[in-house]
Structures are given as C-alpha cells and as structure tokens.
Amino acid sequence: MLYVIALAGFTSEYPQASSDTVVILGDSLSAGYGLHADEGWVTLLTHRMVSSGYGQTIVNASVSGETTTGGLSRIPRLLNLHHPKVVVLELGANDALRGLPPQSIEDNLVAIGQLVLSSGARLLLVGAPLPTNYGIEYASSVSVAYRHAAHRLRASLVPSLIAGIETDEKNFQADHLHPVAAVQMQILDNIWLYLKPLLRKSSAAAGSSNGR
C-alpha cells in the first residue's frame, strides 16, 4: 500500500531532499491492517500535524507483510520519487515473527538507514516488540538489534511502538498481533515524542508564532 496525504510537487533531483515530505516505511502496523482508512496512527498523525502547524506531506509506503529485505529493495525508489525530509522506518517485526537472526534484522535496518541519511533525509527508527510466546531471549535479542541499529546510524529510536498497550489483550485484534482502533492514538503518542523534533513547522505557522 502506498498513499499520499495532501498534495506535493515531486522533483527528480537526487539525493538532495527538496520537499517537506515525510515517508512512513512500515509493515501492517503502519498500513492499518484490520482498521478503517481513517483509524490508523498514520492518518491520526496527519491530523495532529495539521492542527500543530506542520506543513509536511505524508506518504504512507507501508505494506502488510513487509520485511526489512523488502524495505531495502524499495527505499531507493521511494527516496528518488519523494525526496523526503524525514523517513520513519517501522520494519523488522515480520522478520522476527519468521525467526530470522536478529543480526540480519539489524544489518538490513542499517542498510536502509544509510540510504536514507545519504539522501539528506532525517531518520526515525521504530521498534516493534515480539509477543511473549516467542521467548524472552529471542525477543530481547531483537530489541537489542533495534538499539544497535540506531546507535550505528546515530538515529533516534522509538523503543516500542506498542508501549503502554502491550499487556492488555483487549488492545489487540483477534490475531493478538495488530492493535485495535481504540489504541492508535497511544501508538501515535509513542511515535510523536521522537518524531516532533525532526519536523519543521510551515512558514506561515512559524511566522504566526513569532508574532508576524
């Protein structure tokens, strides 16, 4: 799934970032699996950005079932097409659900992040913890992979997409993996804390805040 919220003029020059676009590169957790189109955290993000005076266009390039390998194959085209100022990288959960080595997850996240940073965009990594039935040791190794990737890239990291909701079954759909609509705002709050410092307010909003 790829959809653009708001309109933006795309340019062809690469690698210099040239718009105020934010690209969300994620999996079903960001694509809004099992939710109506207006219920996912990415849609809620657009409303918050507008109400807070941020003028960026959001491109949701999230795909259900996406892995870090798939994200690595798609990111060059996304950068070339949209020239984002910020990329939110929410991948790795599907790799982990398949039991792939945490080191592979880390290395793919770093490879994606390096391409993002070399394009001139800012990067935000998002961690997605595993269900407890995957074992504490493996789940811990995956969490460490996110932290190591963020350290290697010197990028901000949202430690857990589902912080504050993970312990209550009613917060998840019948598959016990995908959060319900009622907790999407909490997910947004988890991300917003780290995303906001990477954003830039529109010139009109900035001027207004300066009393102009």
N, C-alpha and C. Protein backbone atom coordinates (compact mmCIF):
# COMPACT_ATOMS: atom_id res chain seq x y z
N MET A 1 0.85 -1.20 0.00
CA MET A 1 0.00 0.00 0.00
C MET A 1 0.87 1.24 0.00
N LEU A 2 0.54 2.21 -0.85
CA LEU A 2 1.24 3.49 -0.83
C LEU A 2 0.21 4.57 -1.08
N TYR A 3 0.01 5.44 -0.10
CA TYR A 3 -0.88 6.56 -0.35
C TYR A 3 -0.29 7.85 0.18
N VAL A 4 -0.64 8.93 -0.49
CA VAL A 4 -0.12 10.24 -0.16
C VAL A 4 -1.23 11.06 0.46
N ILE A 5 -0.95 11.67 1.58
CA ILE A 5 -1.91 12.53 2.25
C ILE A 5 -1.46 13.96 2.04
N ALA A 6 -2.30 14.76 1.41
CA ALA A 6 -2.01 16.13 0.97
C ALA A 6 -1.32 16.07 -0.38
N LEU A 7 -1.14 17.22 -0.96
CA LEU A 7 -0.55 17.28 -2.29
C LEU A 7 0.85 17.87 -2.21
N ALA A 8 1.73 17.35 -3.03
CA ALA A 8 3.09 17.89 -3.06
C ALA A 8 3.63 17.79 -4.46
N GLY A 9 4.48 18.73 -4.83
CA GLY A 9 5.12 18.65 -6.13
C GLY A 9 6.41 17.87 -6.01
N PHE A 10 6.54 16.80 -6.74
CA PHE A 10 7.73 15.97 -6.67
C PHE A 10 8.77 16.48 -7.65
N THR A 11 10.03 16.40 -7.26
CA THR A 11 11.13 16.78 -8.13
C THR A 11 11.95 15.55 -8.44
N SER A 12 12.77 15.64 -9.44
CA SER A 12 13.50 14.46 -9.88
C SER A 12 14.94 14.42 -9.39
N GLU A 13 15.46 15.51 -8.85
CA GLU A 13 16.86 15.53 -8.45
C GLU A 13 17.10 14.68 -7.21
N TYR A 14 18.19 13.96 -7.20
CA TYR A 14 18.54 13.07 -6.09
C TYR A 14 20.06 13.11 -5.92
N PRO A 15 20.63 13.17 -4.72
CA PRO A 15 20.00 12.83 -3.47
C PRO A 15 19.50 14.01 -2.63
N GLN A 16 19.60 15.22 -3.06
CA GLN A 16 19.25 16.34 -2.22
C GLN A 16 17.75 16.38 -1.91
N ALA A 17 17.40 16.31 -0.61
CA ALA A 17 15.99 16.40 -0.22
C ALA A 17 15.46 17.78 -0.56
N SER A 18 14.27 17.84 -1.16
CA SER A 18 13.82 19.12 -1.68
C SER A 18 12.37 19.42 -1.37
N SER A 19 11.73 18.63 -0.53
CA SER A 19 10.34 18.89 -0.16
C SER A 19 10.20 18.70 1.33
N ASP A 20 9.00 18.90 1.82
CA ASP A 20 8.72 18.67 3.23
C ASP A 20 7.95 17.38 3.43
N THR A 21 8.28 16.38 2.66
CA THR A 21 7.59 15.10 2.71
C THR A 21 8.14 14.22 3.84
N VAL A 22 7.22 13.53 4.51
CA VAL A 22 7.56 12.50 5.49
C VAL A 22 7.12 11.16 4.92
N VAL A 23 8.04 10.24 4.76
CA VAL A 23 7.72 8.90 4.27
C VAL A 23 7.68 7.93 5.45
N ILE A 24 6.60 7.17 5.52
CA ILE A 24 6.46 6.11 6.52
C ILE A 24 6.73 4.79 5.81
N LEU A 25 7.84 4.14 6.13
CA LEU A 25 8.18 2.86 5.53
C LEU A 25 7.98 1.79 6.61
N GLY A 26 6.83 1.13 6.54
CA GLY A 26 6.50 0.18 7.58
C GLY A 26 5.78 -1.05 7.06
N ASP A 27 5.25 -1.81 8.00
CA ASP A 27 4.51 -3.03 7.68
C ASP A 27 3.04 -2.84 8.04
N SER A 28 2.35 -3.92 8.36
CA SER A 28 0.92 -3.83 8.62
C SER A 28 0.58 -2.97 9.83
N LEU A 29 1.51 -2.82 10.76
CA LEU A 29 1.26 -1.99 11.94
C LEU A 29 1.10 -0.53 11.57
N SER A 30 1.70 -0.13 10.46
CA SER A 30 1.57 1.24 9.96
C SER A 30 0.63 1.34 8.77
N ALA A 31 0.39 0.22 8.10
CA ALA A 31 -0.54 0.21 6.96
C ALA A 31 -1.98 0.19 7.40
N GLY A 32 -2.23 -0.04 8.70
CA GLY A 32 -3.59 -0.01 9.22
C GLY A 32 -4.35 -1.31 9.03
N TYR A 33 -3.66 -2.42 9.17
CA TYR A 33 -4.29 -3.73 9.00
C TYR A 33 -5.49 -3.89 9.93
N GLY A 34 -6.62 -4.29 9.35
CA GLY A 34 -7.83 -4.54 10.13
C GLY A 34 -8.56 -3.30 10.59
N LEU A 35 -8.13 -2.14 10.13
CA LEU A 35 -8.74 -0.87 10.55
C LEU A 35 -9.37 -0.18 9.36
N HIS A 36 -10.30 0.73 9.63
CA HIS A 36 -10.82 1.61 8.58
C HIS A 36 -9.72 2.60 8.20
N ALA A 37 -9.85 3.16 7.02
CA ALA A 37 -8.79 4.02 6.47
C ALA A 37 -8.47 5.22 7.36
N ASP A 38 -9.44 5.68 8.13
CA ASP A 38 -9.23 6.88 8.94
C ASP A 38 -8.86 6.57 10.39
N GLU A 39 -8.57 5.31 10.69
CA GLU A 39 -8.35 4.93 12.09
C GLU A 39 -6.89 4.70 12.46
N GLY A 40 -6.03 4.44 11.51
CA GLY A 40 -4.64 4.10 11.81
C GLY A 40 -3.85 5.27 12.33
N TRP A 41 -2.72 4.96 12.97
CA TRP A 41 -1.92 6.02 13.58
C TRP A 41 -1.35 6.99 12.54
N VAL A 42 -1.11 6.52 11.32
CA VAL A 42 -0.55 7.41 10.30
C VAL A 42 -1.57 8.48 9.92
N THR A 43 -2.83 8.08 9.78
CA THR A 43 -3.87 9.07 9.48
C THR A 43 -4.04 10.03 10.64
N LEU A 44 -4.01 9.52 11.86
CA LEU A 44 -4.10 10.38 13.03
C LEU A 44 -2.92 11.35 13.09
N LEU A 45 -1.78 10.90 12.61
CA LEU A 45 -0.60 11.77 12.56
C LEU A 45 -0.84 12.97 11.65
N THR A 46 -1.48 12.74 10.52
CA THR A 46 -1.73 13.87 9.60
C THR A 46 -2.60 14.92 10.26
N HIS A 47 -3.61 14.47 11.01
CA HIS A 47 -4.49 15.43 11.70
C HIS A 47 -3.70 16.22 12.76
N ARG A 48 -2.83 15.52 13.49
CA ARG A 48 -2.05 16.20 14.52
C ARG A 48 -1.08 17.20 13.91
N MET A 49 -0.46 16.83 12.80
CA MET A 49 0.49 17.72 12.16
C MET A 49 -0.19 18.98 11.65
N VAL A 50 -1.38 18.83 11.07
CA VAL A 50 -2.12 19.99 10.58
C VAL A 50 -2.51 20.89 11.74
N SER A 51 -3.06 20.29 12.80
CA SER A 51 -3.52 21.09 13.94
C SER A 51 -2.36 21.74 14.69
N SER A 52 -1.17 21.17 14.56
CA SER A 52 0.00 21.71 15.26
C SER A 52 0.83 22.64 14.40
N GLY A 53 0.41 22.85 13.14
CA GLY A 53 1.09 23.81 12.28
C GLY A 53 2.24 23.26 11.48
N TYR A 54 2.29 21.95 11.31
CA TYR A 54 3.34 21.35 10.49
C TYR A 54 2.81 21.13 9.08
N GLY A 55 3.60 21.55 8.09
CA GLY A 55 3.11 21.56 6.72
C GLY A 55 3.54 20.38 5.87
N GLN A 56 4.17 19.37 6.47
CA GLN A 56 4.69 18.27 5.68
C GLN A 56 3.58 17.41 5.05
N THR A 57 3.89 16.90 3.88
CA THR A 57 3.08 15.88 3.24
C THR A 57 3.50 14.52 3.77
N ILE A 58 2.55 13.65 4.02
CA ILE A 58 2.88 12.30 4.49
C ILE A 58 2.62 11.30 3.38
N VAL A 59 3.61 10.49 3.09
CA VAL A 59 3.47 9.39 2.15
C VAL A 59 3.55 8.10 2.95
N ASN A 60 2.47 7.35 3.01
CA ASN A 60 2.49 6.08 3.73
C ASN A 60 2.84 4.97 2.75
N ALA A 61 4.09 4.55 2.80
CA ALA A 61 4.58 3.50 1.92
C ALA A 61 4.62 2.15 2.64
N SER A 62 3.79 2.00 3.64
CA SER A 62 3.75 0.77 4.43
C SER A 62 2.97 -0.32 3.70
N VAL A 63 3.44 -1.55 3.83
CA VAL A 63 2.85 -2.70 3.16
C VAL A 63 2.70 -3.84 4.17
N SER A 64 1.52 -4.40 4.27
CA SER A 64 1.31 -5.53 5.17
C SER A 64 2.22 -6.69 4.77
N GLY A 65 2.88 -7.27 5.75
CA GLY A 65 3.79 -8.37 5.49
C GLY A 65 5.20 -7.96 5.12
N GLU A 66 5.46 -6.67 5.04
CA GLU A 66 6.78 -6.18 4.62
C GLU A 66 7.87 -6.58 5.60
N THR A 67 9.04 -6.88 5.07
CA THR A 67 10.21 -7.21 5.86
C THR A 67 11.30 -6.16 5.64
N THR A 68 12.37 -6.28 6.40
CA THR A 68 13.48 -5.35 6.19
C THR A 68 14.11 -5.56 4.81
N THR A 69 14.10 -6.80 4.32
CA THR A 69 14.64 -7.06 2.99
C THR A 69 13.79 -6.37 1.93
N GLY A 70 12.47 -6.44 2.07
CA GLY A 70 11.59 -5.75 1.14
C GLY A 70 11.75 -4.25 1.22
N GLY A 71 11.89 -3.74 2.44
CA GLY A 71 12.09 -2.30 2.60
C GLY A 71 13.38 -1.83 1.97
N LEU A 72 14.41 -2.65 2.09
CA LEU A 72 15.70 -2.29 1.50
C LEU A 72 15.60 -2.24 -0.03
N SER A 73 14.81 -3.10 -0.61
CA SER A 73 14.66 -3.11 -2.07
C SER A 73 13.81 -1.93 -2.55
N ARG A 74 12.92 -1.42 -1.69
CA ARG A 74 12.01 -0.35 -2.12
C ARG A 74 12.50 1.05 -1.81
N ILE A 75 13.38 1.18 -0.81
CA ILE A 75 13.74 2.53 -0.35
C ILE A 75 14.41 3.39 -1.41
N PRO A 76 15.26 2.85 -2.31
CA PRO A 76 15.86 3.75 -3.31
C PRO A 76 14.81 4.46 -4.17
N ARG A 77 13.80 3.73 -4.61
CA ARG A 77 12.77 4.35 -5.44
C ARG A 77 11.96 5.38 -4.64
N LEU A 78 11.65 5.06 -3.39
CA LEU A 78 10.88 5.99 -2.57
C LEU A 78 11.65 7.29 -2.36
N LEU A 79 12.95 7.17 -2.12
CA LEU A 79 13.77 8.38 -1.95
C LEU A 79 13.84 9.18 -3.24
N ASN A 80 14.00 8.49 -4.35
CA ASN A 80 14.11 9.16 -5.64
C ASN A 80 12.81 9.84 -6.05
N LEU A 81 11.70 9.24 -5.67
CA LEU A 81 10.39 9.76 -6.07
C LEU A 81 9.93 10.90 -5.18
N HIS A 82 10.12 10.77 -3.87
CA HIS A 82 9.50 11.70 -2.92
C HIS A 82 10.47 12.68 -2.27
N HIS A 83 11.78 12.43 -2.33
CA HIS A 83 12.76 13.33 -1.72
C HIS A 83 12.34 13.76 -0.31
N PRO A 84 12.11 12.80 0.58
CA PRO A 84 11.58 13.17 1.90
C PRO A 84 12.58 13.93 2.76
N LYS A 85 12.04 14.73 3.66
CA LYS A 85 12.84 15.36 4.70
C LYS A 85 13.03 14.41 5.88
N VAL A 86 12.02 13.54 6.10
CA VAL A 86 12.05 12.61 7.21
C VAL A 86 11.55 11.26 6.73
N VAL A 87 12.20 10.18 7.18
CA VAL A 87 11.71 8.83 6.95
C VAL A 87 11.51 8.15 8.29
N VAL A 88 10.31 7.63 8.50
CA VAL A 88 10.01 6.84 9.69
C VAL A 88 10.10 5.37 9.29
N LEU A 89 11.04 4.66 9.86
CA LEU A 89 11.33 3.27 9.47
C LEU A 89 10.77 2.32 10.53
N GLU A 90 9.65 1.71 10.20
CA GLU A 90 8.97 0.79 11.13
C GLU A 90 8.94 -0.59 10.47
N LEU A 91 10.06 -1.28 10.52
CA LEU A 91 10.17 -2.62 9.94
C LEU A 91 10.97 -3.51 10.88
N GLY A 92 10.83 -4.81 10.66
CA GLY A 92 11.56 -5.78 11.46
C GLY A 92 10.68 -6.77 12.17
N ALA A 93 9.42 -6.39 12.42
CA ALA A 93 8.51 -7.28 13.14
C ALA A 93 8.26 -8.57 12.37
N ASN A 94 8.05 -8.46 11.07
CA ASN A 94 7.78 -9.66 10.27
C ASN A 94 9.02 -10.54 10.14
N ASP A 95 10.19 -9.94 10.09
CA ASP A 95 11.43 -10.71 10.12
C ASP A 95 11.48 -11.54 11.39
N ALA A 96 11.18 -10.87 12.51
CA ALA A 96 11.26 -11.54 13.80
C ALA A 96 10.20 -12.64 13.94
N LEU A 97 9.00 -12.38 13.44
CA LEU A 97 7.94 -13.39 13.50
C LEU A 97 8.34 -14.64 12.73
N ARG A 98 9.21 -14.48 11.75
CA ARG A 98 9.70 -15.63 10.98
C ARG A 98 10.96 -16.24 11.60
N GLY A 99 11.39 -15.68 12.71
CA GLY A 99 12.53 -16.24 13.41
C GLY A 99 13.87 -15.95 12.78
N LEU A 100 13.95 -14.89 11.98
CA LEU A 100 15.22 -14.57 11.32
C LEU A 100 16.24 -14.07 12.34
N PRO A 101 17.52 -14.24 12.05
CA PRO A 101 18.55 -13.81 13.01
C PRO A 101 18.47 -12.32 13.30
N PRO A 102 18.50 -11.93 14.56
CA PRO A 102 18.48 -10.51 14.91
C PRO A 102 19.57 -9.70 14.22
N GLN A 103 20.73 -10.31 14.01
CA GLN A 103 21.81 -9.59 13.34
C GLN A 103 21.43 -9.22 11.91
N SER A 104 20.68 -10.09 11.24
CA SER A 104 20.22 -9.78 9.88
C SER A 104 19.25 -8.62 9.89
N ILE A 105 18.36 -8.62 10.89
CA ILE A 105 17.42 -7.51 11.03
C ILE A 105 18.18 -6.21 11.23
N GLU A 106 19.13 -6.24 12.14
CA GLU A 106 19.95 -5.05 12.41
C GLU A 106 20.68 -4.57 11.17
N ASP A 107 21.31 -5.48 10.47
CA ASP A 107 22.10 -5.09 9.29
C ASP A 107 21.21 -4.50 8.19
N ASN A 108 20.02 -5.06 8.00
CA ASN A 108 19.12 -4.52 6.98
C ASN A 108 18.60 -3.14 7.38
N LEU A 109 18.29 -2.97 8.66
CA LEU A 109 17.85 -1.65 9.13
C LEU A 109 18.95 -0.62 8.91
N VAL A 110 20.16 -1.00 9.20
CA VAL A 110 21.30 -0.08 9.00
C VAL A 110 21.47 0.25 7.52
N ALA A 111 21.34 -0.76 6.66
CA ALA A 111 21.49 -0.52 5.22
C ALA A 111 20.41 0.44 4.71
N ILE A 112 19.18 0.24 5.17
CA ILE A 112 18.10 1.17 4.78
C ILE A 112 18.41 2.57 5.32
N GLY A 113 18.78 2.63 6.59
CA GLY A 113 19.05 3.91 7.22
C GLY A 113 20.18 4.66 6.56
N GLN A 114 21.20 3.96 6.14
CA GLN A 114 22.32 4.63 5.48
C GLN A 114 21.88 5.27 4.17
N LEU A 115 21.01 4.59 3.43
CA LEU A 115 20.49 5.17 2.19
C LEU A 115 19.63 6.40 2.49
N VAL A 116 18.84 6.32 3.54
CA VAL A 116 18.01 7.46 3.93
C VAL A 116 18.88 8.66 4.29
N LEU A 117 19.85 8.43 5.14
CA LEU A 117 20.70 9.53 5.60
C LEU A 117 21.54 10.12 4.47
N SER A 118 22.00 9.27 3.57
CA SER A 118 22.81 9.76 2.46
C SER A 118 21.98 10.59 1.48
N SER A 119 20.66 10.43 1.53
CA SER A 119 19.79 11.22 0.66
C SER A 119 19.56 12.63 1.20
N GLY A 120 19.97 12.86 2.45
CA GLY A 120 19.75 14.16 3.08
C GLY A 120 18.56 14.19 4.00
N ALA A 121 17.86 13.06 4.14
CA ALA A 121 16.68 12.99 5.00
C ALA A 121 17.08 12.65 6.43
N ARG A 122 16.22 13.01 7.37
CA ARG A 122 16.39 12.59 8.75
C ARG A 122 15.68 11.26 8.94
N LEU A 123 16.10 10.50 9.94
CA LEU A 123 15.62 9.13 10.12
C LEU A 123 15.11 8.91 11.54
N LEU A 124 13.97 8.22 11.62
CA LEU A 124 13.44 7.77 12.91
C LEU A 124 13.18 6.28 12.82
N LEU A 125 13.85 5.50 13.67
CA LEU A 125 13.62 4.07 13.76
C LEU A 125 12.52 3.78 14.77
N VAL A 126 11.71 2.77 14.48
CA VAL A 126 10.62 2.40 15.37
C VAL A 126 10.74 0.92 15.70
N GLY A 127 10.84 0.60 16.99
CA GLY A 127 10.91 -0.78 17.42
C GLY A 127 9.53 -1.37 17.63
N ALA A 128 9.38 -2.63 17.25
CA ALA A 128 8.10 -3.33 17.42
C ALA A 128 8.36 -4.64 18.16
N PRO A 129 8.17 -4.66 19.48
CA PRO A 129 8.47 -5.85 20.28
C PRO A 129 7.64 -7.06 19.86
N LEU A 130 8.20 -8.24 20.07
CA LEU A 130 7.54 -9.50 19.74
C LEU A 130 6.58 -9.93 20.83
N PRO A 131 5.58 -10.76 20.48
CA PRO A 131 4.74 -11.38 21.51
C PRO A 131 5.60 -12.24 22.44
N THR A 132 5.16 -12.40 23.67
CA THR A 132 5.95 -13.10 24.67
C THR A 132 6.15 -14.57 24.33
N ASN A 133 5.27 -15.14 23.51
CA ASN A 133 5.39 -16.58 23.22
C ASN A 133 6.57 -16.89 22.29
N TYR A 134 7.30 -15.88 21.83
CA TYR A 134 8.48 -16.13 21.01
C TYR A 134 9.73 -16.33 21.86
N GLY A 135 9.57 -16.24 23.14
CA GLY A 135 10.69 -16.49 24.04
C GLY A 135 11.39 -15.21 24.43
N ILE A 136 11.73 -15.11 25.70
CA ILE A 136 12.33 -13.89 26.23
C ILE A 136 13.69 -13.63 25.60
N GLU A 137 14.48 -14.69 25.41
CA GLU A 137 15.83 -14.50 24.89
C GLU A 137 15.82 -13.95 23.47
N TYR A 138 14.98 -14.53 22.61
CA TYR A 138 14.94 -14.06 21.22
C TYR A 138 14.35 -12.66 21.15
N ALA A 139 13.26 -12.44 21.90
CA ALA A 139 12.64 -11.11 21.90
C ALA A 139 13.62 -10.05 22.37
N SER A 140 14.41 -10.38 23.38
CA SER A 140 15.41 -9.44 23.88
C SER A 140 16.48 -9.16 22.84
N SER A 141 16.87 -10.21 22.10
CA SER A 141 17.88 -10.03 21.05
C SER A 141 17.38 -9.12 19.94
N VAL A 142 16.09 -9.22 19.62
CA VAL A 142 15.51 -8.35 18.60
C VAL A 142 15.50 -6.90 19.08
N SER A 143 15.13 -6.70 20.34
CA SER A 143 15.14 -5.35 20.89
C SER A 143 16.55 -4.75 20.85
N VAL A 144 17.53 -5.57 21.17
CA VAL A 144 18.92 -5.12 21.11
C VAL A 144 19.32 -4.76 19.69
N ALA A 145 18.81 -5.52 18.71
CA ALA A 145 19.12 -5.24 17.29
C ALA A 145 18.64 -3.85 16.90
N TYR A 146 17.45 -3.45 17.36
CA TYR A 146 16.97 -2.10 17.08
C TYR A 146 17.89 -1.05 17.71
N ARG A 147 18.27 -1.29 18.96
CA ARG A 147 19.13 -0.32 19.65
C ARG A 147 20.50 -0.21 18.98
N HIS A 148 21.04 -1.34 18.59
CA HIS A 148 22.34 -1.31 17.91
C HIS A 148 22.25 -0.60 16.56
N ALA A 149 21.16 -0.85 15.84
CA ALA A 149 20.97 -0.19 14.54
C ALA A 149 20.90 1.32 14.72
N ALA A 150 20.13 1.76 15.71
CA ALA A 150 20.01 3.20 15.97
C ALA A 150 21.36 3.79 16.34
N HIS A 151 22.13 3.06 17.14
CA HIS A 151 23.46 3.54 17.54
C HIS A 151 24.40 3.64 16.35
N ARG A 152 24.38 2.64 15.50
CA ARG A 152 25.26 2.64 14.32
C ARG A 152 24.91 3.78 13.38
N LEU A 153 23.61 4.10 13.31
CA LEU A 153 23.15 5.16 12.41
C LEU A 153 23.13 6.53 13.09
N ARG A 154 23.33 6.55 14.40
CA ARG A 154 23.18 7.79 15.18
C ARG A 154 21.81 8.40 14.94
N ALA A 155 20.81 7.55 14.98
CA ALA A 155 19.43 7.96 14.71
C ALA A 155 18.57 7.81 15.96
N SER A 156 17.48 8.55 16.00
CA SER A 156 16.53 8.42 17.09
C SER A 156 15.78 7.10 16.97
N LEU A 157 15.41 6.54 18.12
CA LEU A 157 14.70 5.27 18.15
C LEU A 157 13.49 5.36 19.07
N VAL A 158 12.34 4.99 18.53
CA VAL A 158 11.16 4.76 19.37
C VAL A 158 11.32 3.35 19.93
N PRO A 159 11.57 3.19 21.23
CA PRO A 159 11.88 1.86 21.75
C PRO A 159 10.78 0.83 21.49
N SER A 160 9.52 1.26 21.59
CA SER A 160 8.42 0.33 21.40
C SER A 160 7.22 1.04 20.81
N LEU A 161 6.79 0.58 19.64
CA LEU A 161 5.58 1.11 19.01
C LEU A 161 4.37 0.94 19.90
N ILE A 162 4.35 -0.16 20.67
CA ILE A 162 3.15 -0.51 21.44
C ILE A 162 3.33 -0.28 22.93
N ALA A 163 4.24 0.59 23.31
CA ALA A 163 4.44 0.89 24.73
C ALA A 163 3.13 1.38 25.35
N GLY A 164 2.80 0.80 26.50
CA GLY A 164 1.60 1.23 27.22
C GLY A 164 0.35 0.45 26.87
N ILE A 165 0.41 -0.37 25.82
CA ILE A 165 -0.78 -1.13 25.43
C ILE A 165 -0.52 -2.63 25.37
N GLU A 166 0.75 -3.04 25.50
CA GLU A 166 1.13 -4.41 25.18
C GLU A 166 0.63 -5.46 26.18
N THR A 167 0.25 -5.06 27.37
CA THR A 167 -0.10 -6.05 28.40
C THR A 167 -1.57 -6.39 28.45
N ASP A 168 -2.41 -5.70 27.69
CA ASP A 168 -3.86 -5.91 27.75
C ASP A 168 -4.36 -6.49 26.43
N GLU A 169 -4.92 -7.70 26.47
CA GLU A 169 -5.37 -8.38 25.27
C GLU A 169 -6.45 -7.61 24.52
N LYS A 170 -7.24 -6.83 25.22
CA LYS A 170 -8.33 -6.11 24.55
C LYS A 170 -7.82 -5.02 23.63
N ASN A 171 -6.54 -4.71 23.74
CA ASN A 171 -5.94 -3.70 22.87
C ASN A 171 -5.55 -4.24 21.51
N PHE A 172 -5.75 -5.55 21.31
CA PHE A 172 -5.32 -6.19 20.07
C PHE A 172 -6.47 -6.91 19.38
N GLN A 173 -6.34 -7.02 18.07
CA GLN A 173 -7.33 -7.74 17.28
C GLN A 173 -7.25 -9.24 17.59
N ALA A 174 -8.11 -10.00 16.95
CA ALA A 174 -8.21 -11.43 17.25
C ALA A 174 -6.92 -12.20 17.01
N ASP A 175 -6.04 -11.65 16.16
CA ASP A 175 -4.77 -12.34 15.88
C ASP A 175 -3.73 -12.11 16.97
N HIS A 176 -4.06 -11.25 17.95
CA HIS A 176 -3.17 -10.93 19.08
C HIS A 176 -1.90 -10.22 18.65
N LEU A 177 -1.88 -9.70 17.44
CA LEU A 177 -0.69 -9.02 16.91
C LEU A 177 -0.95 -7.57 16.56
N HIS A 178 -2.11 -7.29 16.00
CA HIS A 178 -2.39 -5.96 15.47
C HIS A 178 -3.28 -5.17 16.43
N PRO A 179 -2.84 -3.98 16.82
CA PRO A 179 -3.63 -3.16 17.74
C PRO A 179 -4.98 -2.73 17.14
N VAL A 180 -5.97 -2.56 18.01
CA VAL A 180 -7.30 -2.12 17.59
C VAL A 180 -7.30 -0.61 17.42
N ALA A 181 -8.40 -0.11 16.87
CA ALA A 181 -8.51 1.33 16.58
C ALA A 181 -8.41 2.17 17.85
N ALA A 182 -8.95 1.66 18.95
CA ALA A 182 -9.02 2.46 20.17
C ALA A 182 -7.66 2.84 20.73
N VAL A 183 -6.61 2.12 20.36
CA VAL A 183 -5.28 2.42 20.93
C VAL A 183 -4.34 3.05 19.91
N GLN A 184 -4.85 3.39 18.73
CA GLN A 184 -3.98 4.00 17.72
C GLN A 184 -3.45 5.37 18.16
N MET A 185 -4.24 6.08 18.96
CA MET A 185 -3.76 7.37 19.46
C MET A 185 -2.59 7.19 20.42
N GLN A 186 -2.62 6.12 21.21
CA GLN A 186 -1.49 5.84 22.10
C GLN A 186 -0.24 5.52 21.28
N ILE A 187 -0.42 4.77 20.20
CA ILE A 187 0.71 4.47 19.32
C ILE A 187 1.27 5.76 18.74
N LEU A 188 0.38 6.64 18.29
CA LEU A 188 0.83 7.93 17.77
C LEU A 188 1.60 8.71 18.82
N ASP A 189 1.11 8.72 20.05
CA ASP A 189 1.82 9.43 21.11
C ASP A 189 3.23 8.86 21.32
N ASN A 190 3.34 7.54 21.23
CA ASN A 190 4.66 6.90 21.38
C ASN A 190 5.64 7.39 20.31
N ILE A 191 5.13 7.56 19.09
CA ILE A 191 5.98 7.98 17.98
C ILE A 191 6.20 9.49 17.98
N TRP A 192 5.17 10.24 18.30
CA TRP A 192 5.22 11.70 18.23
C TRP A 192 6.32 12.29 19.09
N LEU A 193 6.55 11.71 20.25
CA LEU A 193 7.58 12.20 21.16
C LEU A 193 8.94 12.28 20.48
N TYR A 194 9.21 11.32 19.59
CA TYR A 194 10.50 11.25 18.91
C TYR A 194 10.47 11.89 17.51
N LEU A 195 9.29 11.90 16.91
CA LEU A 195 9.16 12.45 15.56
C LEU A 195 9.12 13.97 15.56
N LYS A 196 8.46 14.55 16.52
CA LYS A 196 8.27 16.01 16.54
C LYS A 196 9.57 16.79 16.41
N PRO A 197 10.65 16.41 17.10
CA PRO A 197 11.90 17.18 16.95
C PRO A 197 12.49 17.13 15.55
N LEU A 198 12.06 16.18 14.73
CA LEU A 198 12.60 16.05 13.38
C LEU A 198 11.80 16.85 12.35
N LEU A 199 10.66 17.39 12.77
CA LEU A 199 9.77 18.08 11.85
C LEU A 199 10.04 19.58 11.86
N ARG A 200 9.55 20.23 10.82
CA ARG A 200 9.67 21.68 10.71
C ARG A 200 8.29 22.26 10.47
N LYS A 201 7.95 23.29 11.23
CA LYS A 201 6.65 23.93 11.05
C LYS A 201 6.63 24.70 9.74
N SER A 202 5.42 24.84 9.19
CA SER A 202 5.26 25.61 7.96
C SER A 202 5.64 27.06 8.22
N SER A 203 6.05 27.77 7.17
CA SER A 203 6.49 29.16 7.32
C SER A 203 5.38 30.03 7.87
N ALA A 204 4.14 29.75 7.47
CA ALA A 204 3.01 30.55 7.95
C ALA A 204 2.83 30.37 9.45
N ALA A 205 2.93 29.09 9.90
CA ALA A 205 2.78 28.83 11.32
C ALA A 205 3.92 29.41 12.11
N ALA A 206 5.15 29.29 11.57
CA ALA A 206 6.32 29.84 12.25
C ALA A 206 6.22 31.34 12.38
N GLY A 207 5.75 32.00 11.31
CA GLY A 207 5.59 33.44 11.34
C GLY A 207 4.57 33.87 12.36
N SER A 208 3.47 33.10 12.45
CA SER A 208 2.42 33.40 13.41
C SER A 208 2.93 33.28 14.83
N SER A 209 3.75 32.21 15.08
CA SER A 209 4.27 32.02 16.43
C SER A 209 5.26 33.10 16.82
N ASN A 210 5.85 33.76 15.81
CA ASN A 210 6.80 34.85 16.09
C ASN A 210 6.13 36.20 16.14
N GLY A 211 4.79 36.17 16.05
CA GLY A 211 4.04 37.41 16.13
C GLY A 211 3.98 38.18 14.86
N ARG A 212 4.28 37.55 13.73
CA ARG A 212 4.27 38.27 12.45
C ARG A 212 2.90 38.18 11.81
